Amino acid sequence: SITGPLPYGIGANINLEDIVIANNKLTGIIPPGIGDLKDLRLLDLQNNLLSGNIPENMARLRDLRELHLEGNDIQGIVSPFICELSEADLRSFTADC
């Protein structure tokens, strides 16, 4: 089981295409640097202990096709960028609404 926060500098790994860290004990927020991963296609962080909001700059993830965030304590209004991604062929979005 992976514990602790996601690295704040995760956006420096610009070649990442898939991030799957589901069913662990990640804590803290989704770092804003996630929005710098321009090639990201899959972000699966479901069933962790994450909190906070979905970073607005994730709207830059034009290649994102799957986003799984359910089973966390992510709060707030789902940002309009999710609608923009849906129009850009987001195949799967799951969250606790």
Protein backbone atom coordinates (compact mmCIF):
# COMPACT_ATOMS: atom_id res chain seq x y z
CA SER A 1 0.00 0.00 0.00
CA ILE A 2 1.34 3.43 -0.98
CA THR A 3 0.92 6.11 1.68
CA GLY A 4 1.49 9.86 1.88
CA PRO A 5 0.86 12.69 -0.56
CA LEU A 6 1.35 12.70 -4.30
CA PRO A 7 4.65 14.43 -5.09
CA TYR A 8 4.07 18.14 -5.60
CA GLY A 9 6.51 18.11 -8.54
CA ILE A 10 4.70 15.33 -10.38
CA GLY A 11 4.16 17.69 -13.32
CA ALA A 12 7.89 17.61 -14.08
CA ASN A 13 7.46 14.06 -15.43
CA ILE A 14 6.15 15.38 -18.73
CA ASN A 15 6.22 12.05 -20.56
CA LEU A 16 3.75 10.31 -18.24
CA GLU A 17 0.75 8.93 -20.11
CA ASP A 18 -0.93 6.79 -17.44
CA ILE A 19 -1.05 7.22 -13.66
CA VAL A 20 -2.73 4.41 -11.78
CA ILE A 21 -2.36 4.61 -8.00
CA ALA A 22 -5.77 3.28 -7.01
CA ASN A 23 -6.71 1.50 -3.79
CA ASN A 24 -3.91 2.86 -1.62
CA LYS A 25 -3.64 5.40 1.18
CA LEU A 26 -2.60 8.55 -0.67
CA THR A 27 -3.36 11.68 1.35
CA GLY A 28 -3.48 15.41 0.70
CA ILE A 29 -4.55 17.14 -2.50
CA ILE A 30 -4.17 16.42 -6.18
CA PRO A 31 -1.16 18.63 -6.94
CA PRO A 32 -1.71 21.39 -9.49
CA GLY A 33 1.32 20.09 -11.41
CA ILE A 34 -0.89 17.28 -12.72
CA GLY A 35 -2.13 19.86 -15.24
CA ASP A 36 1.37 20.03 -16.76
CA LEU A 37 1.26 16.40 -17.90
CA LYS A 38 0.13 17.19 -21.44
CA ASP A 39 0.35 13.55 -22.63
CA LEU A 40 -1.68 12.13 -19.71
CA ARG A 41 -4.41 9.77 -20.95
CA LEU A 42 -5.40 7.96 -17.74
CA LEU A 43 -5.54 9.26 -14.18
CA ASP A 44 -6.81 6.67 -11.71
CA LEU A 45 -6.60 7.78 -8.09
CA GLN A 46 -9.77 6.08 -6.86
CA ASN A 47 -10.13 4.70 -3.34
CA ASN A 48 -7.46 6.71 -1.54
CA LEU A 49 -7.64 9.39 1.15
CA LEU A 50 -7.27 12.42 -1.13
CA SER A 51 -9.09 15.66 -0.31
CA GLY A 52 -9.48 19.16 -1.68
CA ASN A 53 -10.65 20.14 -5.14
CA ILE A 54 -9.84 18.95 -8.63
CA PRO A 55 -7.17 21.38 -9.90
CA GLU A 56 -8.54 23.82 -12.48
CA ASN A 57 -5.44 23.51 -14.64
CA MET A 58 -6.36 19.92 -15.43
CA ALA A 59 -8.39 21.54 -18.23
CA ARG A 60 -5.10 21.55 -20.16
CA LEU A 61 -5.10 17.74 -20.29
CA ARG A 62 -6.53 17.47 -23.78
CA ASP A 63 -5.44 13.82 -24.21
CA LEU A 64 -7.11 12.68 -20.96
CA ARG A 65 -9.55 9.84 -21.70
CA GLU A 66 -10.14 8.30 -18.26
CA LEU A 67 -10.41 10.05 -14.91
CA HIS A 68 -11.24 8.01 -11.79
CA LEU A 69 -11.48 9.86 -8.49
CA GLU A 70 -14.25 8.07 -6.58
CA GLY A 71 -13.63 6.82 -3.06
CA ASN A 72 -11.79 9.97 -1.95
CA ASP A 73 -12.84 13.06 -0.03
CA ILE A 74 -12.63 15.42 -2.99
CA GLN A 75 -15.08 18.26 -2.44
CA GLY A 76 -16.50 21.25 -4.19
CA ILE A 77 -18.16 21.78 -7.50
CA VAL A 78 -16.96 19.74 -10.45
CA SER A 79 -15.22 22.31 -12.57
CA PRO A 80 -16.50 23.18 -16.05
CA PHE A 81 -13.30 21.71 -17.47
CA ILE A 82 -14.82 18.24 -17.01
CA CYS A 83 -17.49 19.22 -19.54
CA GLU A 84 -14.81 20.47 -21.89
CA LEU A 85 -12.93 17.18 -21.55
CA SER A 86 -16.14 15.23 -22.16
CA GLU A 87 -16.53 17.02 -25.45
CA ALA A 88 -12.94 16.10 -26.27
CA ASP A 89 -13.77 12.39 -25.93
CA LEU A 90 -13.32 11.73 -22.22
CA ARG A 91 -14.41 8.10 -22.19
CA SER A 92 -14.71 7.56 -18.48
CA PHE A 93 -15.15 9.86 -15.51
CA THR A 94 -16.08 8.46 -12.13
CA ALA A 95 -16.43 10.37 -8.89
CA ASP A 96 -18.59 10.37 -5.81
CA CYS A 97 -21.19 13.03 -6.57
